[in-house]
Amino acid sequence: MKKYISTSLMCLDLMEAKNGIIALEQVGMDYFHMDVMDNHFVPNFSLSSDFIKVTRKCTQVPLDIHLMIENPENSLHLFDGANEGDILSIHYESTKHVQKVLSEIRKMGYKAGIALNPATPLNVLEEVIEDLDMVLIMTVNPGFAGQKLIPSTLGKIQKCKDFLVKVGAENILIEVDGNVSFENAVKMNKMGADIFVAGTSSVFSKEGTLEENTKKMRKILEGSLC
């Protein structure tokens, strides 16, 4: 199965956001990861629905929108206008009406994703598996960039892959988000992750240029760099 890089736009210099987006597009990013936070579900604010609309005007790269907000069903209307390939994820922990919200996301034209905090067990997927296109496994507690990976989440990636195979849902993608460094990406790749949210510890790392870092990540995902 093909592997994908979803670059975290939260890590951009927002004063140079347009130029940054163009540069990321030129090095061939697969998705742009858009973190939306409300300072309730997580103790931080981040990219707005208006920023997402503006981003759509300057790129054809599919958007990977990650809602870290309480009761997302009340805010879905702010994210209308999905393009083909766009993904919209909500947190399982953020609403009492998970299936209903996932169904609505698909009606809006998005691929539907469910995000799981590190301590949320995988068995919550069982009743919504038919409504899913992607599972987003948080490998840190959500809210801030630059956190250390929680080791137990690596095994969770493998368990998720095994579960999806067992129930005949291998087409559902697994995304990983949180300290996706070059070193950790090797491990996550071996565990079965499909989409890698790349930020300050990889594509924006000071180890190399944006182009060099992206090529390095590609080699890791291809399995040619371990």
Protein backbone atom coordinates (compact mmCIF):
# COMPACT_ATOMS: atom_id res chain seq x y z
CA MET A 1 0.00 0.00 0.00
CA LYS A 2 1.22 3.49 -0.84
CA LYS A 3 2.50 5.65 2.01
CA TYR A 4 1.69 9.36 2.33
CA ILE A 5 3.21 12.47 3.93
CA SER A 6 0.75 14.93 5.44
CA THR A 7 2.63 18.11 6.31
CA SER A 8 1.51 19.97 9.41
CA LEU A 9 0.73 23.55 8.40
CA MET A 10 0.66 24.49 12.08
CA CYS A 11 4.46 24.36 11.83
CA LEU A 12 4.61 26.97 9.05
CA ASP A 13 5.76 30.52 9.55
CA LEU A 14 2.25 31.96 9.22
CA MET A 15 3.66 35.34 8.17
CA GLU A 16 4.95 33.53 5.06
CA ALA A 17 2.17 30.96 4.81
CA LYS A 18 1.45 31.29 1.08
CA ASN A 19 5.10 30.97 0.10
CA GLY A 20 5.48 28.07 2.51
CA ILE A 21 2.50 26.25 1.01
CA ILE A 22 3.87 26.74 -2.50
CA ALA A 23 7.26 25.38 -1.42
CA LEU A 24 5.64 22.32 0.15
CA GLU A 25 3.61 21.72 -2.98
CA GLN A 26 6.77 21.91 -5.10
CA VAL A 27 8.48 19.14 -3.11
CA GLY A 28 5.45 16.92 -3.63
CA MET A 29 3.56 16.73 -0.35
CA ASP A 30 0.58 14.35 -0.46
CA TYR A 31 -1.63 16.16 2.06
CA PHE A 32 -1.65 19.34 4.09
CA HIS A 33 -2.52 18.56 7.70
CA MET A 34 -4.68 21.28 9.23
CA ASP A 35 -5.02 21.26 13.02
CA VAL A 36 -8.10 23.08 14.30
CA MET A 37 -8.20 23.65 18.09
CA ASP A 38 -10.77 25.40 20.27
CA ASN A 39 -8.99 25.78 23.65
CA HIS A 40 -11.60 23.47 25.18
CA PHE A 41 -10.98 19.98 23.86
CA VAL A 42 -7.27 20.81 23.92
CA PRO A 43 -5.62 23.74 25.77
CA ASN A 44 -4.56 25.62 22.66
CA PHE A 45 -5.85 27.55 19.66
CA SER A 46 -4.80 26.80 16.12
CA LEU A 47 -5.75 27.10 12.45
CA SER A 48 -9.19 28.49 11.69
CA SER A 49 -11.83 27.56 9.13
CA ASP A 50 -11.02 30.82 7.33
CA PHE A 51 -7.36 29.80 7.02
CA ILE A 52 -8.51 26.51 5.50
CA LYS A 53 -10.68 28.29 2.93
CA VAL A 54 -7.79 30.56 1.93
CA THR A 55 -5.45 27.57 1.66
CA ARG A 56 -7.83 25.87 -0.77
CA LYS A 57 -7.51 28.87 -3.09
CA CYS A 58 -3.75 28.54 -3.48
CA THR A 59 -3.17 24.78 -3.72
CA GLN A 60 -4.52 21.60 -5.27
CA VAL A 61 -2.98 19.40 -2.57
CA PRO A 62 -5.74 17.55 -0.66
CA LEU A 63 -6.41 18.82 2.85
CA ASP A 64 -6.23 16.59 5.91
CA ILE A 65 -8.31 18.51 8.45
CA HIS A 66 -8.01 17.40 12.08
CA LEU A 67 -10.69 18.83 14.35
CA MET A 68 -9.61 18.97 17.99
CA ILE A 69 -12.79 20.65 19.14
CA GLU A 70 -15.70 19.81 21.44
CA ASN A 71 -19.01 18.85 19.84
CA PRO A 72 -17.76 19.07 16.23
CA GLU A 73 -21.29 18.50 14.93
CA ASN A 74 -22.02 22.13 15.82
CA SER A 75 -19.17 23.43 13.63
CA LEU A 76 -19.15 21.21 10.54
CA HIS A 77 -20.87 23.90 8.47
CA LEU A 78 -17.71 26.01 8.78
CA PHE A 79 -15.77 23.43 6.76
CA ASP A 80 -17.98 23.07 3.69
CA GLY A 81 -16.49 23.11 0.21
CA ALA A 82 -14.54 19.83 0.30
CA ASN A 83 -12.41 19.02 -2.72
CA GLU A 84 -11.89 15.48 -3.98
CA GLY A 85 -9.54 13.61 -1.68
CA ASP A 86 -9.94 15.90 1.32
CA ILE A 87 -10.12 14.22 4.74
CA LEU A 88 -11.95 15.50 7.81
CA SER A 89 -11.26 13.84 11.18
CA ILE A 90 -12.99 14.24 14.51
CA HIS A 91 -11.94 12.87 17.88
CA TYR A 92 -13.88 9.92 19.26
CA GLU A 93 -13.69 11.61 22.67
CA SER A 94 -15.17 14.91 21.46
CA THR A 95 -18.81 13.97 20.86
CA LYS A 96 -21.60 11.68 22.05
CA HIS A 97 -22.75 11.21 18.46
CA VAL A 98 -19.71 9.75 16.70
CA GLN A 99 -21.53 7.75 14.03
CA LYS A 100 -23.86 10.59 13.18
CA VAL A 101 -20.99 13.06 12.75
CA LEU A 102 -18.94 10.65 10.61
CA SER A 103 -21.95 10.09 8.37
CA GLU A 104 -22.43 13.85 7.98
CA ILE A 105 -18.74 14.31 7.11
CA ARG A 106 -19.10 11.87 4.22
CA LYS A 107 -22.24 13.65 3.01
CA MET A 108 -20.16 16.84 2.85
CA GLY A 109 -17.81 15.16 0.36
CA TYR A 110 -14.93 14.36 2.71
CA LYS A 111 -13.28 11.09 3.57
CA ALA A 112 -14.20 10.50 7.22
CA GLY A 113 -11.56 9.99 9.89
CA ILE A 114 -11.70 9.20 13.59
CA ALA A 115 -8.85 10.32 15.86
CA LEU A 116 -8.00 8.43 19.04
CA ASN A 117 -6.12 9.89 22.00
CA PRO A 118 -3.27 7.72 23.36
CA ALA A 119 -5.40 6.29 26.20
CA THR A 120 -8.49 5.58 24.06
CA PRO A 121 -8.80 1.84 23.30
CA LEU A 122 -9.16 0.52 19.77
CA ASN A 123 -12.38 -1.36 20.53
CA VAL A 124 -14.32 1.91 20.15
CA LEU A 125 -13.86 1.47 16.38
CA GLU A 126 -16.06 -1.62 16.21
CA GLU A 127 -19.41 0.17 15.96
CA VAL A 128 -18.32 2.83 13.45
CA ILE A 129 -16.05 0.81 11.16
CA GLU A 130 -18.48 1.09 8.22
CA ASP A 131 -18.43 4.88 8.52
CA LEU A 132 -14.64 5.22 8.39
CA ASP A 133 -12.04 5.93 5.73
CA MET A 134 -9.18 6.60 8.15
CA VAL A 135 -8.10 6.08 11.75
CA LEU A 136 -5.82 8.76 13.18
CA ILE A 137 -3.72 7.40 16.04
CA MET A 138 -2.36 10.13 18.28
CA THR A 139 1.15 9.21 19.42
CA VAL A 140 1.25 12.20 21.77
CA ASN A 141 -1.51 13.88 23.76
CA PRO A 142 -3.03 16.41 21.35
CA GLY A 143 -2.63 20.16 21.57
CA PHE A 144 1.01 21.10 21.07
CA ALA A 145 3.82 20.41 18.61
CA GLY A 146 7.23 19.24 19.79
CA GLN A 147 6.11 16.63 22.35
CA LYS A 148 7.87 13.31 22.95
CA LEU A 149 6.35 10.16 21.54
CA ILE A 150 4.41 7.95 23.98
CA PRO A 151 6.10 4.54 23.47
CA SER A 152 2.97 2.43 23.96
CA THR A 153 1.33 4.06 20.94
CA LEU A 154 3.72 2.24 18.58
CA GLY A 155 2.16 -1.08 19.54
CA LYS A 156 -1.25 0.50 19.14
CA ILE A 157 -0.50 1.14 15.46
CA GLN A 158 0.22 -2.56 14.92
CA LYS A 159 -2.88 -3.59 16.87
CA CYS A 160 -4.99 -1.24 14.76
CA LYS A 161 -3.59 -2.72 11.55
CA ASP A 162 -4.27 -6.24 12.81
CA PHE A 163 -7.82 -5.30 13.78
CA LEU A 164 -8.58 -3.77 10.37
CA VAL A 165 -7.28 -6.87 8.62
CA LYS A 166 -9.33 -9.12 10.92
CA VAL A 167 -12.59 -7.33 10.13
CA GLY A 168 -11.87 -7.08 6.40
CA ALA A 169 -11.33 -3.30 6.43
CA GLU A 170 -7.78 -3.15 5.07
CA ASN A 171 -8.82 -0.24 2.85
CA ILE A 172 -9.11 2.03 5.92
CA LEU A 173 -5.93 4.08 6.23
CA ILE A 174 -3.99 4.53 9.46
CA GLU A 175 -2.57 7.98 10.12
CA VAL A 176 -0.04 8.76 12.84
CA ASP A 177 0.33 12.18 14.44
CA GLY A 178 2.83 13.22 17.11
CA ASN A 179 6.63 13.37 17.07
CA VAL A 180 6.85 11.73 13.65
CA SER A 181 10.61 12.16 13.54
CA PHE A 182 12.79 10.32 11.04
CA GLU A 183 13.68 7.78 13.72
CA ASN A 184 10.08 7.27 14.84
CA ALA A 185 8.79 7.15 11.26
CA VAL A 186 10.90 4.04 10.67
CA LYS A 187 9.16 2.32 13.59
CA MET A 188 5.70 3.59 12.66
CA ASN A 189 6.16 2.41 9.10
CA LYS A 190 7.06 -1.10 10.26
CA MET A 191 3.97 -1.13 12.49
CA GLY A 192 1.70 -0.46 9.52
CA ALA A 193 1.01 3.29 9.38
CA ASP A 194 -0.08 4.72 6.02
CA ILE A 195 -0.15 8.51 6.50
CA PHE A 196 2.55 10.34 8.45
CA VAL A 197 1.92 13.82 9.86
CA ALA A 198 5.27 15.54 9.35
CA GLY A 199 6.33 18.67 11.21
CA THR A 200 9.20 20.12 13.18
CA SER A 201 10.92 16.78 13.81
CA SER A 202 11.07 15.75 10.13
CA VAL A 203 10.30 17.85 7.05
CA PHE A 204 10.81 21.14 8.91
CA SER A 205 13.87 19.81 10.75
CA LYS A 206 17.04 21.89 10.77
CA GLU A 207 18.95 18.76 9.78
CA GLY A 208 18.49 19.65 6.12
CA THR A 209 16.55 21.69 3.60
CA LEU A 210 12.86 21.12 2.98
CA GLU A 211 13.70 19.17 -0.17
CA GLU A 212 16.39 17.08 1.53
CA ASN A 213 14.16 16.28 4.51
CA THR A 214 11.26 15.33 2.27
CA LYS A 215 13.45 12.98 0.22
CA LYS A 216 14.71 11.39 3.44
CA MET A 217 11.16 10.82 4.66
CA ARG A 218 10.18 9.29 1.31
CA LYS A 219 13.07 6.83 1.53
CA ILE A 220 11.98 5.83 5.04
CA LEU A 221 8.41 5.22 3.90
CA GLU A 222 9.65 3.21 0.90
CA GLY A 223 11.64 1.06 3.32
CA SER A 224 14.96 1.92 1.70
CA LEU A 225 16.24 3.88 4.70
CA CYS A 226 16.07 2.19 8.11
